[in-house]
Amino acid sequence: MLILSRKIDEKIRIGDDIVITLIDVHGDQVKIGVEAPKKVKVFRQEVFDAIQKENKEAAMENSESKAAIDAVSVLSKLLKK
């Protein structure tokens, strides 16, 4: 991990496209601004974690639904015989 010290209005550049600016420091809260292309998704960590969790749950529900549909399909074929 790279750790940098910055003063208000100073910037950090990541690659060619991303600029992080220190906006304000108030007590234990730091406000930063992020300039990035629209194709780059920028999330707070807790939001990113929630999205990942939701995606995993949706994928599991989808696979469970698919398994249930497959089971019904197999049963239907067996009953037709």
N, C-alpha and C. Protein backbone atom coordinates (compact mmCIF):
# COMPACT_ATOMS: atom_id res chain seq x y z
N MET A 1 0.85 -1.17 0.00
CA MET A 1 0.00 0.00 0.00
C MET A 1 0.90 1.23 0.00
N LEU A 2 0.58 2.15 -0.87
CA LEU A 2 1.29 3.43 -0.92
C LEU A 2 0.55 4.41 -0.03
N ILE A 3 1.25 5.07 0.86
CA ILE A 3 0.64 6.06 1.75
C ILE A 3 1.24 7.41 1.42
N LEU A 4 0.36 8.38 1.12
CA LEU A 4 0.79 9.72 0.73
C LEU A 4 0.19 10.75 1.66
N SER A 5 0.93 11.80 1.94
CA SER A 5 0.41 12.94 2.70
C SER A 5 0.03 14.03 1.71
N ARG A 6 -1.11 14.66 1.92
CA ARG A 6 -1.59 15.73 1.05
C ARG A 6 -2.21 16.81 1.90
N LYS A 7 -2.15 18.03 1.42
CA LYS A 7 -2.84 19.14 2.05
C LYS A 7 -4.09 19.44 1.25
N ILE A 8 -5.01 20.22 1.83
CA ILE A 8 -6.25 20.56 1.13
C ILE A 8 -5.93 21.16 -0.23
N ASP A 9 -6.69 20.73 -1.22
CA ASP A 9 -6.57 21.13 -2.64
C ASP A 9 -5.39 20.49 -3.36
N GLU A 10 -4.60 19.67 -2.69
CA GLU A 10 -3.54 18.96 -3.39
C GLU A 10 -4.12 17.69 -4.00
N LYS A 11 -3.49 17.23 -5.05
CA LYS A 11 -4.03 16.12 -5.84
C LYS A 11 -3.10 14.92 -5.85
N ILE A 12 -3.69 13.78 -6.14
CA ILE A 12 -2.96 12.54 -6.40
C ILE A 12 -3.44 12.05 -7.75
N ARG A 13 -2.54 11.68 -8.61
CA ARG A 13 -2.89 11.21 -9.93
C ARG A 13 -2.63 9.71 -10.03
N ILE A 14 -3.62 8.98 -10.56
CA ILE A 14 -3.49 7.54 -10.77
C ILE A 14 -3.59 7.30 -12.27
N GLY A 15 -2.50 6.86 -12.85
CA GLY A 15 -2.48 6.67 -14.29
C GLY A 15 -2.71 8.00 -15.00
N ASP A 16 -3.26 7.92 -16.21
CA ASP A 16 -3.50 9.12 -17.00
C ASP A 16 -4.88 9.73 -16.76
N ASP A 17 -5.81 8.92 -16.22
CA ASP A 17 -7.22 9.30 -16.23
C ASP A 17 -7.83 9.64 -14.88
N ILE A 18 -7.17 9.32 -13.79
CA ILE A 18 -7.81 9.44 -12.48
C ILE A 18 -7.05 10.45 -11.62
N VAL A 19 -7.83 11.39 -11.07
CA VAL A 19 -7.24 12.40 -10.18
C VAL A 19 -8.04 12.40 -8.88
N ILE A 20 -7.33 12.30 -7.77
CA ILE A 20 -7.96 12.36 -6.46
C ILE A 20 -7.51 13.67 -5.81
N THR A 21 -8.49 14.46 -5.34
CA THR A 21 -8.19 15.75 -4.72
C THR A 21 -8.65 15.73 -3.27
N LEU A 22 -7.79 16.19 -2.39
CA LEU A 22 -8.17 16.33 -0.98
C LEU A 22 -9.00 17.61 -0.87
N ILE A 23 -10.25 17.45 -0.51
CA ILE A 23 -11.19 18.58 -0.47
C ILE A 23 -11.21 19.24 0.91
N ASP A 24 -11.31 18.43 1.96
CA ASP A 24 -11.46 19.00 3.30
C ASP A 24 -11.08 17.97 4.35
N VAL A 25 -10.58 18.46 5.46
CA VAL A 25 -10.32 17.62 6.63
C VAL A 25 -11.01 18.30 7.79
N HIS A 26 -11.92 17.56 8.43
CA HIS A 26 -12.67 18.12 9.55
C HIS A 26 -12.74 17.06 10.64
N GLY A 27 -11.95 17.23 11.68
CA GLY A 27 -11.90 16.21 12.74
C GLY A 27 -11.32 14.92 12.18
N ASP A 28 -12.06 13.83 12.34
CA ASP A 28 -11.59 12.53 11.84
C ASP A 28 -12.20 12.20 10.48
N GLN A 29 -12.79 13.18 9.82
CA GLN A 29 -13.41 12.96 8.52
C GLN A 29 -12.60 13.66 7.43
N VAL A 30 -12.33 12.93 6.37
CA VAL A 30 -11.59 13.46 5.23
C VAL A 30 -12.50 13.39 4.02
N LYS A 31 -12.62 14.50 3.30
CA LYS A 31 -13.42 14.52 2.08
C LYS A 31 -12.47 14.55 0.89
N ILE A 32 -12.71 13.63 -0.04
CA ILE A 32 -11.90 13.59 -1.25
C ILE A 32 -12.81 13.69 -2.47
N GLY A 33 -12.25 14.21 -3.53
CA GLY A 33 -12.95 14.23 -4.80
C GLY A 33 -12.23 13.29 -5.75
N VAL A 34 -13.00 12.57 -6.56
CA VAL A 34 -12.42 11.63 -7.52
C VAL A 34 -12.88 12.02 -8.91
N GLU A 35 -11.92 12.30 -9.78
CA GLU A 35 -12.21 12.56 -11.18
C GLU A 35 -11.74 11.33 -11.96
N ALA A 36 -12.68 10.70 -12.66
CA ALA A 36 -12.35 9.50 -13.42
C ALA A 36 -13.28 9.41 -14.62
N PRO A 37 -12.87 8.71 -15.67
CA PRO A 37 -13.76 8.52 -16.81
C PRO A 37 -15.03 7.78 -16.37
N LYS A 38 -16.12 8.01 -17.10
CA LYS A 38 -17.39 7.38 -16.74
C LYS A 38 -17.30 5.85 -16.75
N LYS A 39 -16.41 5.31 -17.57
CA LYS A 39 -16.29 3.84 -17.64
C LYS A 39 -15.66 3.26 -16.38
N VAL A 40 -15.00 4.09 -15.57
CA VAL A 40 -14.38 3.63 -14.33
C VAL A 40 -15.39 3.78 -13.21
N LYS A 41 -15.72 2.67 -12.57
CA LYS A 41 -16.67 2.69 -11.46
C LYS A 41 -15.92 2.99 -10.17
N VAL A 42 -16.45 3.94 -9.41
CA VAL A 42 -15.84 4.34 -8.15
C VAL A 42 -16.88 4.15 -7.05
N PHE A 43 -16.55 3.33 -6.05
CA PHE A 43 -17.47 3.03 -4.96
C PHE A 43 -16.75 3.18 -3.62
N ARG A 44 -17.50 3.52 -2.58
CA ARG A 44 -16.98 3.36 -1.22
C ARG A 44 -16.89 1.86 -0.97
N GLN A 45 -15.96 1.43 -0.15
CA GLN A 45 -15.74 0.00 0.08
C GLN A 45 -16.99 -0.71 0.56
N GLU A 46 -17.74 -0.10 1.51
CA GLU A 46 -18.93 -0.77 2.05
C GLU A 46 -20.01 -0.92 0.99
N VAL A 47 -20.10 0.03 0.05
CA VAL A 47 -21.07 -0.08 -1.04
C VAL A 47 -20.64 -1.19 -2.00
N PHE A 48 -19.35 -1.23 -2.31
CA PHE A 48 -18.82 -2.27 -3.19
C PHE A 48 -19.06 -3.66 -2.59
N ASP A 49 -18.80 -3.80 -1.27
CA ASP A 49 -19.03 -5.08 -0.60
C ASP A 49 -20.50 -5.48 -0.66
N ALA A 50 -21.41 -4.52 -0.47
CA ALA A 50 -22.85 -4.81 -0.53
C ALA A 50 -23.26 -5.25 -1.94
N ILE A 51 -22.71 -4.60 -2.95
CA ILE A 51 -23.02 -4.98 -4.33
C ILE A 51 -22.52 -6.39 -4.61
N GLN A 52 -21.31 -6.69 -4.18
CA GLN A 52 -20.75 -8.03 -4.38
C GLN A 52 -21.61 -9.09 -3.70
N LYS A 53 -22.02 -8.81 -2.46
CA LYS A 53 -22.85 -9.76 -1.71
C LYS A 53 -24.18 -9.98 -2.43
N GLU A 54 -24.79 -8.89 -2.88
CA GLU A 54 -26.07 -8.98 -3.58
C GLU A 54 -25.92 -9.78 -4.88
N ASN A 55 -24.83 -9.55 -5.60
CA ASN A 55 -24.59 -10.30 -6.84
C ASN A 55 -24.42 -11.79 -6.58
N LYS A 56 -23.68 -12.13 -5.52
CA LYS A 56 -23.49 -13.54 -5.18
C LYS A 56 -24.81 -14.20 -4.79
N GLU A 57 -25.63 -13.48 -4.00
CA GLU A 57 -26.93 -14.03 -3.60
C GLU A 57 -27.84 -14.22 -4.82
N ALA A 58 -27.83 -13.26 -5.73
CA ALA A 58 -28.65 -13.37 -6.94
C ALA A 58 -28.18 -14.54 -7.79
N ALA A 59 -26.87 -14.72 -7.88
CA ALA A 59 -26.34 -15.84 -8.67
C ALA A 59 -26.75 -17.18 -8.05
N MET A 60 -26.70 -17.25 -6.72
CA MET A 60 -27.10 -18.49 -6.04
C MET A 60 -28.59 -18.76 -6.24
N GLU A 61 -29.41 -17.71 -6.12
CA GLU A 61 -30.85 -17.87 -6.33
C GLU A 61 -31.12 -18.31 -7.75
N ASN A 62 -30.38 -17.73 -8.69
CA ASN A 62 -30.55 -18.09 -10.10
C ASN A 62 -30.18 -19.54 -10.34
N SER A 63 -29.07 -19.99 -9.73
CA SER A 63 -28.67 -21.39 -9.93
C SER A 63 -29.64 -22.34 -9.23
N GLU A 64 -30.18 -21.92 -8.07
CA GLU A 64 -31.18 -22.74 -7.38
C GLU A 64 -32.46 -22.82 -8.21
N SER A 65 -32.86 -21.71 -8.82
CA SER A 65 -34.05 -21.70 -9.68
C SER A 65 -33.83 -22.60 -10.88
N LYS A 66 -32.63 -22.51 -11.46
CA LYS A 66 -32.31 -23.35 -12.62
C LYS A 66 -32.34 -24.82 -12.23
N ALA A 67 -31.81 -25.15 -11.07
CA ALA A 67 -31.81 -26.53 -10.61
C ALA A 67 -33.24 -27.02 -10.40
N ALA A 68 -34.09 -26.15 -9.84
CA ALA A 68 -35.49 -26.53 -9.63
C ALA A 68 -36.20 -26.74 -10.95
N ILE A 69 -35.94 -25.88 -11.92
CA ILE A 69 -36.56 -26.02 -13.25
C ILE A 69 -36.07 -27.31 -13.90
N ASP A 70 -34.78 -27.60 -13.78
CA ASP A 70 -34.23 -28.84 -14.34
C ASP A 70 -34.88 -30.06 -13.69
N ALA A 71 -35.09 -30.01 -12.38
CA ALA A 71 -35.72 -31.14 -11.67
C ALA A 71 -37.15 -31.34 -12.16
N VAL A 72 -37.88 -30.25 -12.33
CA VAL A 72 -39.26 -30.34 -12.82
C VAL A 72 -39.26 -30.90 -14.23
N SER A 73 -38.32 -30.49 -15.04
CA SER A 73 -38.22 -30.99 -16.41
C SER A 73 -37.96 -32.49 -16.43
N VAL A 74 -37.05 -32.95 -15.58
CA VAL A 74 -36.74 -34.39 -15.50
C VAL A 74 -37.98 -35.15 -15.03
N LEU A 75 -38.65 -34.64 -14.01
CA LEU A 75 -39.87 -35.31 -13.51
C LEU A 75 -40.95 -35.36 -14.59
N SER A 76 -41.11 -34.29 -15.32
CA SER A 76 -42.11 -34.27 -16.39
C SER A 76 -41.80 -35.32 -17.43
N LYS A 77 -40.55 -35.45 -17.79
CA LYS A 77 -40.15 -36.46 -18.79
C LYS A 77 -40.40 -37.85 -18.26
N LEU A 78 -40.10 -38.08 -16.97
CA LEU A 78 -40.34 -39.40 -16.38
C LEU A 78 -41.82 -39.73 -16.33
N LEU A 79 -42.64 -38.77 -16.02
CA LEU A 79 -44.09 -38.99 -15.94
C LEU A 79 -44.70 -39.26 -17.30
N LYS A 80 -44.11 -38.75 -18.36
CA LYS A 80 -44.63 -38.97 -19.71
C LYS A 80 -44.34 -40.36 -20.21
N LYS A 81 -43.38 -41.04 -19.62
CA LYS A 81 -43.00 -42.38 -20.08
C LYS A 81 -43.96 -43.42 -19.63
